[in-house]
Amino acid sequence: ARLDVKEQVIWPNPKNQNDKVELLASLLHELEHMYQILYVANFDTPKAKRWKKELDNYIGGEDPVGNLLQEIELDANAFSQIVLASDYGIHYEHQDPIIQELINRYIKSGKMLNDD
């Protein structure tokens, strides 16, 4: 999916139209990005400052590793996994086990619920 910030629209990826889990995971991921944008605009915490810096210097899909290592991406991936597990009972992981380990560490770090 893709978030169009200007239009405030999430565009689902057509290739996921028959995979409801992947579709839901990507929509949750993009919703978390919208939350991040609102958080940065409304708070002045250490997390808001880090996220603002990443949003202002966003590394896109042309650098897949750089993209996935950004805190805002780890956060969005973690959010989608947590919601899928807690609300839908769906175990969902990143296809790359190294990236998944980073997501797991991010979740365990408590950064999702912390403003530090």
Protein backbone atom coordinates (compact mmCIF):
# COMPACT_ATOMS: atom_id res chain seq x y z
CA ALA A 1 0.00 0.00 0.00
CA ARG A 2 0.99 3.61 -0.36
CA LEU A 3 0.08 6.60 1.78
CA ASP A 4 -0.66 9.80 -0.11
CA VAL A 5 -0.14 12.38 2.64
CA LYS A 6 -1.31 15.31 0.56
CA GLU A 7 -4.63 13.67 -0.32
CA GLN A 8 -4.83 11.76 3.00
CA VAL A 9 -5.55 8.54 1.16
CA ILE A 10 -4.13 5.04 1.45
CA TRP A 11 -3.86 3.31 -1.90
CA PRO A 12 -3.89 -0.48 -1.55
CA ASN A 13 -1.52 -2.43 -3.75
CA PRO A 14 -3.65 -4.18 -6.42
CA LYS A 15 -1.40 -7.25 -6.27
CA ASN A 16 -2.70 -7.85 -2.71
CA GLN A 17 -6.38 -7.72 -3.63
CA ASN A 18 -6.80 -11.48 -3.16
CA ASP A 19 -4.62 -11.75 -0.04
CA LYS A 20 -6.70 -10.31 2.79
CA VAL A 21 -3.97 -10.74 5.41
CA GLU A 22 -1.38 -8.91 3.31
CA LEU A 23 -3.92 -6.23 2.44
CA LEU A 24 -4.86 -5.69 6.08
CA ALA A 25 -1.20 -5.69 7.18
CA SER A 26 -0.31 -3.04 4.61
CA LEU A 27 -3.31 -0.86 5.50
CA LEU A 28 -2.42 -1.03 9.20
CA HIS A 29 1.18 -0.18 8.34
CA GLU A 30 0.11 2.92 6.41
CA LEU A 31 -2.34 3.97 9.14
CA GLU A 32 0.56 3.94 11.59
CA HIS A 33 2.48 6.24 9.25
CA MET A 34 -0.47 8.66 9.35
CA TYR A 35 -0.35 8.47 13.15
CA GLN A 36 3.40 9.21 13.06
CA ILE A 37 2.80 12.30 10.94
CA LEU A 38 0.12 13.54 13.36
CA TYR A 39 2.32 12.73 16.35
CA VAL A 40 5.23 14.74 14.92
CA ALA A 41 2.91 17.67 14.18
CA ASN A 42 1.46 17.75 17.69
CA PHE A 43 4.22 16.76 20.11
CA ASP A 44 7.73 17.87 20.97
CA THR A 45 9.07 14.69 22.57
CA PRO A 46 12.38 12.97 21.82
CA LYS A 47 10.45 10.40 19.76
CA ALA A 48 8.66 13.15 17.79
CA LYS A 49 12.02 14.76 17.01
CA ARG A 50 13.49 11.46 15.79
CA TRP A 51 10.44 10.69 13.70
CA LYS A 52 10.38 14.20 12.23
CA LYS A 53 14.00 13.84 11.18
CA GLU A 54 13.24 10.50 9.51
CA LEU A 55 10.09 11.80 7.83
CA ASP A 56 12.00 14.85 6.55
CA ASN A 57 14.81 12.62 5.24
CA TYR A 58 12.75 9.57 4.32
CA ILE A 59 14.61 6.69 2.69
CA GLY A 60 12.27 5.14 0.14
CA GLY A 61 12.02 1.75 -1.50
CA GLU A 62 14.95 2.44 -3.81
CA ASP A 63 17.10 1.54 -0.77
CA PRO A 64 15.15 -1.38 0.75
CA VAL A 65 17.55 -2.00 3.64
CA GLY A 66 17.86 1.69 4.52
CA ASN A 67 14.08 1.97 4.31
CA LEU A 68 13.41 -0.93 6.66
CA LEU A 69 16.00 0.20 9.21
CA GLN A 70 14.27 3.54 9.86
CA GLU A 71 12.50 3.72 13.21
CA ILE A 72 9.30 4.86 11.54
CA GLU A 73 9.31 1.71 9.39
CA LEU A 74 10.15 -0.59 12.31
CA ASP A 75 7.32 1.07 14.23
CA ALA A 76 4.80 0.68 11.38
CA ASN A 77 5.78 -2.95 10.84
CA ALA A 78 5.55 -3.66 14.57
CA PHE A 79 2.16 -1.94 14.80
CA SER A 80 0.68 -4.02 11.99
CA GLN A 81 2.03 -7.25 13.50
CA ILE A 82 0.72 -6.44 16.98
CA VAL A 83 -2.76 -5.47 15.74
CA LEU A 84 -3.02 -8.54 13.51
CA ALA A 85 -2.03 -10.79 16.42
CA SER A 86 -4.05 -9.13 19.18
CA ASP A 87 -7.21 -8.19 17.28
CA TYR A 88 -7.38 -10.92 14.63
CA GLY A 89 -5.30 -13.80 15.99
CA ILE A 90 -3.12 -13.69 12.89
CA HIS A 91 0.59 -14.36 13.22
CA TYR A 92 2.29 -12.17 10.61
CA GLU A 93 6.02 -11.67 10.15
CA HIS A 94 8.35 -9.91 7.77
CA GLN A 95 9.70 -12.28 5.12
CA ASP A 96 13.30 -11.39 6.00
CA PRO A 97 14.22 -13.06 9.33
CA ILE A 98 16.87 -10.42 10.09
CA ILE A 99 14.38 -7.58 9.65
CA GLN A 100 11.86 -9.55 11.72
CA GLU A 101 14.42 -9.85 14.51
CA LEU A 102 14.86 -6.06 14.43
CA ILE A 103 11.08 -5.63 14.61
CA ASN A 104 10.94 -8.04 17.57
CA ARG A 105 13.69 -6.07 19.33
CA TYR A 106 11.84 -2.82 18.65
CA ILE A 107 8.66 -4.25 20.19
CA LYS A 108 10.55 -5.54 23.24
CA SER A 109 12.34 -2.19 23.68
CA GLY A 110 9.11 -0.47 24.68
CA LYS A 111 9.73 2.41 22.24
CA MET A 112 6.24 2.03 20.81
CA LEU A 113 4.65 3.11 24.07
CA ASN A 114 7.39 5.46 25.21
CA ASP A 115 7.89 9.10 24.24
CA ASP A 116 11.64 8.94 24.86
